[in-house]
Protein backbone atom coordinates (compact mmCIF):
# COMPACT_ATOMS: atom_id res chain seq x y z
CA MET A 1 7.87 -10.64 12.76
CA LYS A 2 9.05 -8.14 15.30
CA PRO A 3 7.08 -4.88 15.52
CA ALA A 4 8.62 -1.88 13.83
CA PRO A 5 10.21 0.51 16.31
CA LYS A 6 8.37 3.80 16.28
CA PRO A 7 9.52 7.04 17.85
CA ALA A 8 7.63 8.15 20.94
CA THR A 9 7.82 11.68 19.55
CA ALA A 10 6.23 12.45 16.20
CA LEU A 11 8.42 13.29 13.22
CA PRO A 12 9.82 15.50 11.81
CA TRP A 13 12.59 16.40 14.24
CA LYS A 14 15.04 19.29 14.20
CA ILE A 15 18.28 20.35 15.90
CA VAL A 16 18.64 23.25 18.31
CA ALA A 17 22.15 24.36 19.27
CA GLY A 18 22.90 24.71 22.96
CA GLN A 19 26.04 26.11 24.56
CA SER A 20 28.00 22.84 24.64
CA GLU A 21 25.72 20.34 22.92
CA ARG A 22 23.06 19.90 20.30
CA GLU A 23 19.53 18.97 21.27
CA ILE A 24 16.96 17.22 19.11
CA PHE A 25 13.35 18.39 19.27
CA ARG A 26 10.11 17.80 17.45
CA ALA A 27 10.04 20.32 14.60
CA ASP A 28 6.91 22.06 15.87
CA ASP A 29 7.65 21.93 19.63
CA VAL A 30 10.94 22.89 21.29
CA THR A 31 9.73 22.65 24.88
CA HIS A 32 11.05 19.14 25.63
CA SER A 33 14.15 17.70 23.99
CA ILE A 34 14.16 14.18 22.59
CA ALA A 35 17.92 13.71 22.88
CA ARG A 36 21.13 15.58 23.56
CA CYS A 37 24.36 15.03 21.66
CA GLY A 38 27.53 16.19 23.41
CA PHE A 39 30.88 15.10 21.92
CA GLN A 40 30.73 15.62 18.14
CA GLY A 41 27.18 16.75 18.85
CA GLU A 42 26.61 18.74 15.68
CA LYS A 43 27.51 15.86 13.36
CA ASN A 44 25.80 13.19 15.45
CA ALA A 45 22.62 15.20 15.88
CA ALA A 46 22.52 16.01 12.16
CA TYR A 47 22.89 12.32 11.30
CA VAL A 48 20.19 11.21 13.76
CA VAL A 49 17.70 13.85 12.62
CA HIS A 50 18.40 13.20 8.93
CA ALA A 51 18.01 9.42 9.31
CA CYS A 52 14.85 9.64 11.42
CA ASN A 53 13.15 12.17 9.18
CA ALA A 54 14.02 10.14 6.05
CA TYR A 55 12.94 6.76 7.47
CA PRO A 56 9.22 6.92 6.55
CA ARG A 57 10.01 7.92 2.94
CA LEU A 58 12.68 5.23 2.62
CA VAL A 59 10.32 2.54 3.90
CA ALA A 60 7.56 3.72 1.55
CA ALA A 61 9.92 3.64 -1.45
CA LEU A 62 11.25 0.19 -0.54
CA ARG A 63 7.74 -1.15 0.01
CA GLU A 64 6.60 0.23 -3.35
CA ALA A 65 9.58 -1.37 -5.10
CA TYR A 66 9.03 -4.67 -3.29
CA LEU A 67 5.38 -4.82 -4.36
CA THR A 68 6.34 -4.58 -8.05
CA VAL A 69 7.56 -8.19 -8.13
CA HIS A 70 5.69 -10.47 -10.53
CA PRO A 71 6.30 -14.00 -11.88
CA GLY A 72 7.44 -12.87 -15.35
CA MET A 73 10.13 -10.61 -13.96
CA PRO A 74 13.77 -11.59 -14.66
CA VAL A 75 15.26 -13.63 -11.84
CA GLU A 76 17.98 -11.05 -11.04
CA TYR A 77 15.28 -8.47 -10.28
CA ARG A 78 13.30 -10.93 -8.16
CA ILE A 79 16.46 -11.66 -6.16
CA LYS A 80 17.02 -7.95 -5.52
CA LEU A 81 13.38 -7.46 -4.56
CA ALA A 82 13.60 -10.45 -2.21
CA ALA A 83 16.50 -8.69 -0.45
CA ILE A 84 14.32 -5.58 -0.13
CA GLY A 85 11.59 -7.75 1.40
CA ASP A 86 14.09 -9.24 3.85
CA LEU A 87 15.19 -5.76 4.91
CA LEU A 88 11.59 -4.58 5.35
CA ARG A 89 10.85 -7.66 7.50
CA GLU A 90 14.00 -7.04 9.55
CA LEU A 91 12.81 -3.48 10.15
CA GLY A 92 9.36 -4.75 11.15
CA GLU A 93 7.80 -2.90 8.20
CA LEU A 94 6.45 -5.85 6.20
């Protein structure tokens, strides 16, 4: 299993508008930017921040669903939960 990638900068992140680009910062510290998004910066920065901030909750929800599998469960549910397990392993979260 590969280790889960973790951000070097703690979440949550936020966007700060510059003159020609959008910068991403830690929500409680705007002294050093994490990333800058130039072309289509507003949309790209919004997507990056949204995805990164949602990631821990998504993983927690997927992990909780995955752990509900039990032998008496209908096979179609076990197949879906197996796919969740595969995704969590791919992400390095299981």
